[in-house]
Amino acid sequence: MCCVLSVYRQSQPDAELHDVLDASVDQLLITRLNEQLHEKDMKLTDVRLEALSSAHQLEQLRETLSRMKVKQWVTL
């Protein structure tokens, strides 16, 4: 009985250490996933800004083309 109790007492701190290590690994994983999420969010924001800029540029070109067509009709 003495030996069984001794093994139980040794395994209890090991289990607590294992829990602490698991929590640390989980926290590191969460931190890394948050970093990846932030990076992807920044890339998505860049793509959205580029799309907005392209849409604005396209609209300006359409307006310019429209004005040129009007001027062409007026001069005929």
PDB file of N, CA and C in Angstrom:
ATOM      1  N   MET A   1       0.820  -1.192   0.000  1.00  0.00           N
ATOM      2  CA  MET A   1       0.000   0.000   0.000  1.00  0.00           C
ATOM      3  C   MET A   1       0.862   1.254   0.000  1.00  0.00           C
ATOM      4  N   CYS A   2       1.956   1.209   0.691  1.00  0.00           N
ATOM      5  CA  CYS A   2       2.879   2.332   0.767  1.00  0.00           C
ATOM      6  C   CYS A   2       3.381   2.714  -0.626  1.00  0.00           C
ATOM      7  N   CYS A   3       3.724   1.748  -1.443  1.00  0.00           N
ATOM      8  CA  CYS A   3       4.239   2.011  -2.787  1.00  0.00           C
ATOM      9  C   CYS A   3       3.162   2.589  -3.688  1.00  0.00           C
ATOM     10  N   VAL A   4       1.957   2.097  -3.588  1.00  0.00           N
ATOM     11  CA  VAL A   4       0.853   2.596  -4.404  1.00  0.00           C
ATOM     12  C   VAL A   4       0.565   4.047  -4.070  1.00  0.00           C
ATOM     13  N   LEU A   5       0.556   4.376  -2.797  1.00  0.00           N
ATOM     14  CA  LEU A   5       0.326   5.751  -2.364  1.00  0.00           C
ATOM     15  C   LEU A   5       1.437   6.663  -2.867  1.00  0.00           C
ATOM     16  N   SER A   6       2.667   6.184  -2.838  1.00  0.00           N
ATOM     17  CA  SER A   6       3.804   6.960  -3.308  1.00  0.00           C
ATOM     18  C   SER A   6       3.693   7.247  -4.801  1.00  0.00           C
ATOM     19  N   VAL A   7       3.286   6.266  -5.605  1.00  0.00           N
ATOM     20  CA  VAL A   7       3.110   6.452  -7.047  1.00  0.00           C
ATOM     21  C   VAL A   7       1.995   7.451  -7.302  1.00  0.00           C
ATOM     22  N   TYR A   8       0.911   7.360  -6.545  1.00  0.00           N
ATOM     23  CA  TYR A   8      -0.203   8.289  -6.705  1.00  0.00           C
ATOM     24  C   TYR A   8       0.251   9.716  -6.420  1.00  0.00           C
ATOM     25  N   ARG A   9       1.031   9.893  -5.364  1.00  0.00           N
ATOM     26  CA  ARG A   9       1.500  11.238  -5.005  1.00  0.00           C
ATOM     27  C   ARG A   9       2.431  11.800  -6.076  1.00  0.00           C
ATOM     28  N   GLN A  10       3.233  10.963  -6.706  1.00  0.00           N
ATOM     29  CA  GLN A  10       4.125  11.444  -7.759  1.00  0.00           C
ATOM     30  C   GLN A  10       3.338  11.791  -9.021  1.00  0.00           C
ATOM     31  N   SER A  11       2.313  11.014  -9.324  1.00  0.00           N
ATOM     32  CA  SER A  11       1.569  11.257 -10.554  1.00  0.00           C
ATOM     33  C   SER A  11       0.681  12.488 -10.449  1.00  0.00           C
ATOM     34  N   GLN A  12       0.284  12.862  -9.262  1.00  0.00           N
ATOM     35  CA  GLN A  12      -0.569  14.037  -9.094  1.00  0.00           C
ATOM     36  C   GLN A  12       0.159  15.321  -9.521  1.00  0.00           C
ATOM     37  N   PRO A  13       1.386  15.579  -9.064  1.00  0.00           N
ATOM     38  CA  PRO A  13       2.083  16.769  -9.569  1.00  0.00           C
ATOM     39  C   PRO A  13       2.367  16.676 -11.063  1.00  0.00           C
ATOM     40  N   ASP A  14       2.631  15.459 -11.563  1.00  0.00           N
ATOM     41  CA  ASP A  14       2.847  15.297 -12.997  1.00  0.00           C
ATOM     42  C   ASP A  14       1.599  15.687 -13.783  1.00  0.00           C
ATOM     43  N   ALA A  15       0.452  15.306 -13.278  1.00  0.00           N
ATOM     44  CA  ALA A  15      -0.802  15.652 -13.939  1.00  0.00           C
ATOM     45  C   ALA A  15      -1.019  17.162 -13.914  1.00  0.00           C
ATOM     46  N   GLU A  16      -0.697  17.801 -12.802  1.00  0.00           N
ATOM     47  CA  GLU A  16      -0.833  19.255 -12.711  1.00  0.00           C
ATOM     48  C   GLU A  16       0.130  19.945 -13.678  1.00  0.00           C
ATOM     49  N   LEU A  17       1.357  19.423 -13.762  1.00  0.00           N
ATOM     50  CA  LEU A  17       2.344  19.972 -14.702  1.00  0.00           C
ATOM     51  C   LEU A  17       1.838  19.794 -16.131  1.00  0.00           C
ATOM     52  N   HIS A  18       1.280  18.645 -16.416  1.00  0.00           N
ATOM     53  CA  HIS A  18       0.728  18.380 -17.742  1.00  0.00           C
ATOM     54  C   HIS A  18      -0.388  19.370 -18.068  1.00  0.00           C
ATOM     55  N   ASP A  19      -1.244  19.648 -17.097  1.00  0.00           N
ATOM     56  CA  ASP A  19      -2.327  20.620 -17.295  1.00  0.00           C
ATOM     57  C   ASP A  19      -1.778  22.019 -17.566  1.00  0.00           C
ATOM     58  N   VAL A  20      -0.750  22.392 -16.827  1.00  0.00           N
ATOM     59  CA  VAL A  20      -0.129  23.708 -17.022  1.00  0.00           C
ATOM     60  C   VAL A  20       0.505  23.787 -18.403  1.00  0.00           C
ATOM     61  N   LEU A  21       1.201  22.735 -18.792  1.00  0.00           N
ATOM     62  CA  LEU A  21       1.823  22.711 -20.120  1.00  0.00           C
ATOM     63  C   LEU A  21       0.771  22.743 -21.223  1.00  0.00           C
ATOM     64  N   ASP A  22      -0.316  22.000 -21.043  1.00  0.00           N
ATOM     65  CA  ASP A  22      -1.402  22.028 -22.024  1.00  0.00           C
ATOM     66  C   ASP A  22      -1.977  23.441 -22.158  1.00  0.00           C
ATOM     67  N   ALA A  23      -2.168  24.099 -21.027  1.00  0.00           N
ATOM     68  CA  ALA A  23      -2.704  25.460 -21.044  1.00  0.00           C
ATOM     69  C   ALA A  23      -1.726  26.402 -21.759  1.00  0.00           C
ATOM     70  N   SER A  24      -0.434  26.226 -21.534  1.00  0.00           N
ATOM     71  CA  SER A  24       0.569  27.070 -22.192  1.00  0.00           C
ATOM     72  C   SER A  24       0.576  26.836 -23.693  1.00  0.00           C
ATOM     73  N   VAL A  25       0.506  25.578 -24.087  1.00  0.00           N
ATOM     74  CA  VAL A  25       0.466  25.250 -25.513  1.00  0.00           C
ATOM     75  C   VAL A  25      -0.796  25.815 -26.142  1.00  0.00           C
ATOM     76  N   ASP A  26      -1.916  25.676 -25.449  1.00  0.00           N
ATOM     77  CA  ASP A  26      -3.177  26.231 -25.954  1.00  0.00           C
ATOM     78  C   ASP A  26      -3.073  27.745 -26.123  1.00  0.00           C
ATOM     79  N   GLN A  27      -2.466  28.409 -25.151  1.00  0.00           N
ATOM     80  CA  GLN A  27      -2.325  29.864 -25.225  1.00  0.00           C
ATOM     81  C   GLN A  27      -1.425  30.262 -26.386  1.00  0.00           C
ATOM     82  N   LEU A  28      -0.339  29.522 -26.594  1.00  0.00           N
ATOM     83  CA  LEU A  28       0.543  29.803 -27.725  1.00  0.00           C
ATOM     84  C   LEU A  28      -0.186  29.594 -29.050  1.00  0.00           C
ATOM     85  N   LEU A  29      -0.977  28.544 -29.119  1.00  0.00           N
ATOM     86  CA  LEU A  29      -1.742  28.275 -30.325  1.00  0.00           C
ATOM     87  C   LEU A  29      -2.752  29.389 -30.581  1.00  0.00           C
ATOM     88  N   ILE A  30      -3.433  29.820 -29.554  1.00  0.00           N
ATOM     89  CA  ILE A  30      -4.402  30.912 -29.688  1.00  0.00           C
ATOM     90  C   ILE A  30      -3.704  32.190 -30.149  1.00  0.00           C
ATOM     91  N   THR A  31      -2.554  32.476 -29.560  1.00  0.00           N
ATOM     92  CA  THR A  31      -1.798  33.663 -29.954  1.00  0.00           C
ATOM     93  C   THR A  31      -1.399  33.594 -31.419  1.00  0.00           C
ATOM     94  N   ARG A  32      -0.899  32.439 -31.850  1.00  0.00           N
ATOM     95  CA  ARG A  32      -0.487  32.275 -33.253  1.00  0.00           C
ATOM     96  C   ARG A  32      -1.683  32.388 -34.191  1.00  0.00           C
ATOM     97  N   LEU A  33      -2.792  31.800 -33.825  1.00  0.00           N
ATOM     98  CA  LEU A  33      -3.988  31.894 -34.656  1.00  0.00           C
ATOM     99  C   LEU A  33      -4.491  33.338 -34.746  1.00  0.00           C
ATOM    100  N   ASN A  34      -4.405  34.063 -33.655  1.00  0.00           N
ATOM    101  CA  ASN A  34      -4.797  35.482 -33.671  1.00  0.00           C
ATOM    102  C   ASN A  34      -3.873  36.283 -34.576  1.00  0.00           C
ATOM    103  N   GLU A  35      -2.588  35.965 -34.557  1.00  0.00           N
ATOM    104  CA  GLU A  35      -1.634  36.644 -35.443  1.00  0.00           C
ATOM    105  C   GLU A  35      -1.960  36.353 -36.903  1.00  0.00           C
ATOM    106  N   GLN A  36      -2.260  35.088 -37.209  1.00  0.00           N
ATOM    107  CA  GLN A  36      -2.623  34.721 -38.574  1.00  0.00           C
ATOM    108  C   GLN A  36      -3.908  35.415 -39.007  1.00  0.00           C
ATOM    109  N   LEU A  37      -4.871  35.482 -38.107  1.00  0.00           N
ATOM    110  CA  LEU A  37      -6.128  36.166 -38.402  1.00  0.00           C
ATOM    111  C   LEU A  37      -5.875  37.643 -38.695  1.00  0.00           C
ATOM    112  N   HIS A  38      -5.028  38.267 -37.904  1.00  0.00           N
ATOM    113  CA  HIS A  38      -4.706  39.681 -38.111  1.00  0.00           C
ATOM    114  C   HIS A  38      -4.025  39.885 -39.471  1.00  0.00           C
ATOM    115  N   GLU A  39      -3.079  39.012 -39.815  1.00  0.00           N
ATOM    116  CA  GLU A  39      -2.393  39.114 -41.103  1.00  0.00           C
ATOM    117  C   GLU A  39      -3.382  38.981 -42.258  1.00  0.00           C
ATOM    118  N   LYS A  40      -4.273  38.007 -42.170  1.00  0.00           N
ATOM    119  CA  LYS A  40      -5.245  37.792 -43.232  1.00  0.00           C
ATOM    120  C   LYS A  40      -6.244  38.943 -43.305  1.00  0.00           C
ATOM    121  N   ASP A  41      -6.598  39.496 -42.158  1.00  0.00           N
ATOM    122  CA  ASP A  41      -7.501  40.638 -42.129  1.00  0.00           C
ATOM    123  C   ASP A  41      -6.851  41.848 -42.794  1.00  0.00           C
ATOM    124  N   MET A  42      -5.556  42.042 -42.545  1.00  0.00           N
ATOM    125  CA  MET A  42      -4.835  43.153 -43.170  1.00  0.00           C
ATOM    126  C   MET A  42      -4.773  42.958 -44.693  1.00  0.00           C
ATOM    127  N   LYS A  43      -4.516  41.730 -45.134  1.00  0.00           N
ATOM    128  CA  LYS A  43      -4.479  41.454 -46.578  1.00  0.00           C
ATOM    129  C   LYS A  43      -5.838  41.684 -47.205  1.00  0.00           C
ATOM    130  N   LEU A  44      -6.890  41.251 -46.516  1.00  0.00           N
ATOM    131  CA  LEU A  44      -8.243  41.462 -47.022  1.00  0.00           C
ATOM    132  C   LEU A  44      -8.561  42.952 -47.118  1.00  0.00           C
ATOM    133  N   THR A  45      -8.147  43.711 -46.139  1.00  0.00           N
ATOM    134  CA  THR A  45      -8.353  45.158 -46.165  1.00  0.00           C
ATOM    135  C   THR A  45      -7.620  45.775 -47.344  1.00  0.00           C
ATOM    136  N   ASP A  46      -6.389  45.333 -47.590  1.00  0.00           N
ATOM    137  CA  ASP A  46      -5.629  45.843 -48.738  1.00  0.00           C
ATOM    138  C   ASP A  46      -6.338  45.530 -50.053  1.00  0.00           C
ATOM    139  N   VAL A  47      -6.857  44.311 -50.178  1.00  0.00           N
ATOM    140  CA  VAL A  47      -7.566  43.921 -51.400  1.00  0.00           C
ATOM    141  C   VAL A  47      -8.826  44.766 -51.569  1.00  0.00           C
ATOM    142  N   ARG A  48      -9.544  44.987 -50.478  1.00  0.00           N
ATOM    143  CA  ARG A  48     -10.765  45.803 -50.552  1.00  0.00           C
ATOM    144  C   ARG A  48     -10.443  47.245 -50.956  1.00  0.00           C
ATOM    145  N   LEU A  49      -9.379  47.796 -50.390  1.00  0.00           N
ATOM    146  CA  LEU A  49      -8.991  49.161 -50.750  1.00  0.00           C
ATOM    147  C   LEU A  49      -8.579  49.250 -52.212  1.00  0.00           C
ATOM    148  N   GLU A  50      -7.862  48.245 -52.684  1.00  0.00           N
ATOM    149  CA  GLU A  50      -7.456  48.212 -54.088  1.00  0.00           C
ATOM    150  C   GLU A  50      -8.678  48.115 -54.997  1.00  0.00           C
ATOM    151  N   ALA A  51      -9.648  47.286 -54.620  1.00  0.00           N
ATOM    152  CA  ALA A  51     -10.875  47.155 -55.408  1.00  0.00           C
ATOM    153  C   ALA A  51     -11.650  48.475 -55.428  1.00  0.00           C
ATOM    154  N   LEU A  52     -11.713  49.144 -54.299  1.00  0.00           N
ATOM    155  CA  LEU A  52     -12.399  50.437 -54.220  1.00  0.00           C
ATOM    156  C   LEU A  52     -11.700  51.466 -55.096  1.00  0.00           C
ATOM    157  N   SER A  53     -10.389  51.482 -55.040  1.00  0.00           N
ATOM    158  CA  SER A  53      -9.616  52.407 -55.867  1.00  0.00           C
ATOM    159  C   SER A  53      -9.822  52.120 -57.354  1.00  0.00           C
ATOM    160  N   SER A  54      -9.819  50.844 -57.716  1.00  0.00           N
ATOM    161  CA  SER A  54     -10.032  50.463 -59.117  1.00  0.00           C
ATOM    162  C   SER A  54     -11.432  50.848 -59.584  1.00  0.00           C
ATOM    163  N   ALA A  55     -12.419  50.640 -58.734  1.00  0.00           N
ATOM    164  CA  ALA A  55     -13.794  51.006 -59.084  1.00  0.00           C
ATOM    165  C   ALA A  55     -13.907  52.519 -59.289  1.00  0.00           C
ATOM    166  N   HIS A  56     -13.247  53.281 -58.426  1.00  0.00           N
ATOM    167  CA  HIS A  56     -13.272  54.748 -58.555  1.00  0.00           C
ATOM    168  C   HIS A  56     -12.587  55.177 -59.851  1.00  0.00           C
ATOM    169  N   GLN A  57     -11.448  54.552 -60.141  1.00  0.00           N
ATOM    170  CA  GLN A  57     -10.722  54.876 -61.368  1.00  0.00           C
ATOM    171  C   GLN A  57     -11.563  54.539 -62.600  1.00  0.00           C
ATOM    172  N   LEU A  58     -12.242  53.396 -62.579  1.00  0.00           N
ATOM    173  CA  LEU A  58     -13.104  52.999 -63.689  1.00  0.00           C
ATOM    174  C   LEU A  58     -14.234  54.001 -63.875  1.00  0.00           C
ATOM    175  N   GLU A  59     -14.828  54.434 -62.779  1.00  0.00           N
ATOM    176  CA  GLU A  59     -15.910  55.421 -62.860  1.00  0.00           C
ATOM    177  C   GLU A  59     -15.408  56.737 -63.456  1.00  0.00           C
ATOM    178  N   GLN A  60     -14.214  57.153 -63.072  1.00  0.00           N
ATOM    179  CA  GLN A  60     -13.644  58.381 -63.638  1.00  0.00           C
ATOM    180  C   GLN A  60     -13.409  58.234 -65.141  1.00  0.00           C
ATOM    181  N   LEU A  61     -12.921  57.074 -65.558  1.00  0.00           N
ATOM    182  CA  LEU A  61     -12.703  56.844 -66.987  1.00  0.00           C
ATOM    183  C   LEU A  61     -14.011  56.842 -67.759  1.00  0.00           C
ATOM    184  N   ARG A  62     -15.053  56.260 -67.170  1.00  0.00           N
ATOM    185  CA  ARG A  62     -16.368  56.269 -67.819  1.00  0.00           C
ATOM    186  C   ARG A  62     -16.892  57.699 -67.979  1.00  0.00           C
ATOM    187  N   GLU A  63     -16.722  58.501 -66.923  1.00  0.00           N
ATOM    188  CA  GLU A  63     -17.175  59.898 -66.992  1.00  0.00           C
ATOM    189  C   GLU A  63     -16.392  60.664 -68.054  1.00  0.00           C
ATOM    190  N   THR A  64     -15.095  60.428 -68.123  1.00  0.00           N
ATOM    191  CA  THR A  64     -14.264  61.094 -69.128  1.00  0.00           C
ATOM    192  C   THR A  64     -14.699  60.685 -70.533  1.00  0.00           C
ATOM    193  N   LEU A  65     -14.929  59.410 -70.736  1.00  0.00           N
ATOM    194  CA  LEU A  65     -15.378  58.909 -72.039  1.00  0.00           C
ATOM    195  C   LEU A  65     -16.729  59.517 -72.405  1.00  0.00           C
ATOM    196  N   SER A  66     -17.620  59.603 -71.433  1.00  0.00           N
ATOM    197  CA  SER A  66     -18.935  60.189 -71.675  1.00  0.00           C
ATOM    198  C   SER A  66     -18.813  61.649 -72.085  1.00  0.00           C
ATOM    199  N   ARG A  67     -17.952  62.412 -71.382  1.00  0.00           N
ATOM    200  CA  ARG A  67     -17.752  63.826 -71.737  1.00  0.00           C
ATOM    201  C   ARG A  67     -17.149  63.958 -73.134  1.00  0.00           C
ATOM    202  N   MET A  68     -16.233  63.065 -73.479  1.00  0.00           N
ATOM    203  CA  MET A  68     -15.623  63.108 -74.807  1.00  0.00           C
ATOM    204  C   MET A  68     -16.655  62.825 -75.889  1.00  0.00           C
ATOM    205  N   LYS A  69     -17.572  61.884 -75.631  1.00  0.00           N
ATOM    206  CA  LYS A  69     -18.629  61.584 -76.594  1.00  0.00           C
ATOM    207  C   LYS A  69     -19.561  62.778 -76.766  1.00  0.00           C
ATOM    208  N   VAL A  70     -19.886  63.441 -75.666  1.00  0.00           N
ATOM    209  CA  VAL A  70     -20.751  64.621 -75.736  1.00  0.00           C
ATOM    210  C   VAL A  70     -20.085  65.717 -76.550  1.00  0.00           C
ATOM    211  N   LYS A  71     -18.792  65.938 -76.314  1.00  0.00           N
ATOM    212  CA  LYS A  71     -18.059  66.973 -77.067  1.00  0.00           C
ATOM    213  C   LYS A  71     -18.014  66.615 -78.549  1.00  0.00           C
ATOM    214  N   GLN A  72     -17.867  65.331 -78.852  1.00  0.00           N
ATOM    215  CA  GLN A  72     -17.828  64.901 -80.236  1.00  0.00           C
ATOM    216  C   GLN A  72     -19.158  65.165 -80.915  1.00  0.00           C
ATOM    217  N   TRP A  73     -20.270  64.910 -80.205  1.00  0.00           N
ATOM    218  CA  TRP A  73     -21.584  65.146 -80.776  1.00  0.00           C
ATOM    219  C   TRP A  73     -21.845  66.633 -80.974  1.00  0.00           C
ATOM    220  N   VAL A  74     -21.342  67.440 -80.053  1.00  0.00           N
ATOM    221  CA  VAL A  74     -21.562  68.882 -80.132  1.00  0.00           C
ATOM    222  C   VAL A  74     -20.799  69.460 -81.310  1.00  0.00           C
ATOM    223  N   THR A  75     -19.610  68.965 -81.600  1.00  0.00           N
ATOM    224  CA  THR A  75     -18.793  69.519 -82.680  1.00  0.00           C
ATOM    225  C   THR A  75     -19.248  69.042 -84.057  1.00  0.00           C
ATOM    226  N   LEU A  76     -20.081  68.011 -84.131  1.00  0.00           N
ATOM    227  CA  LEU A  76     -20.565  67.538 -85.441  1.00  0.00           C
ATOM    228  C   LEU A  76     -21.639  68.381 -85.967  1.00  0.00           C
TER     229      LEU A  76
END
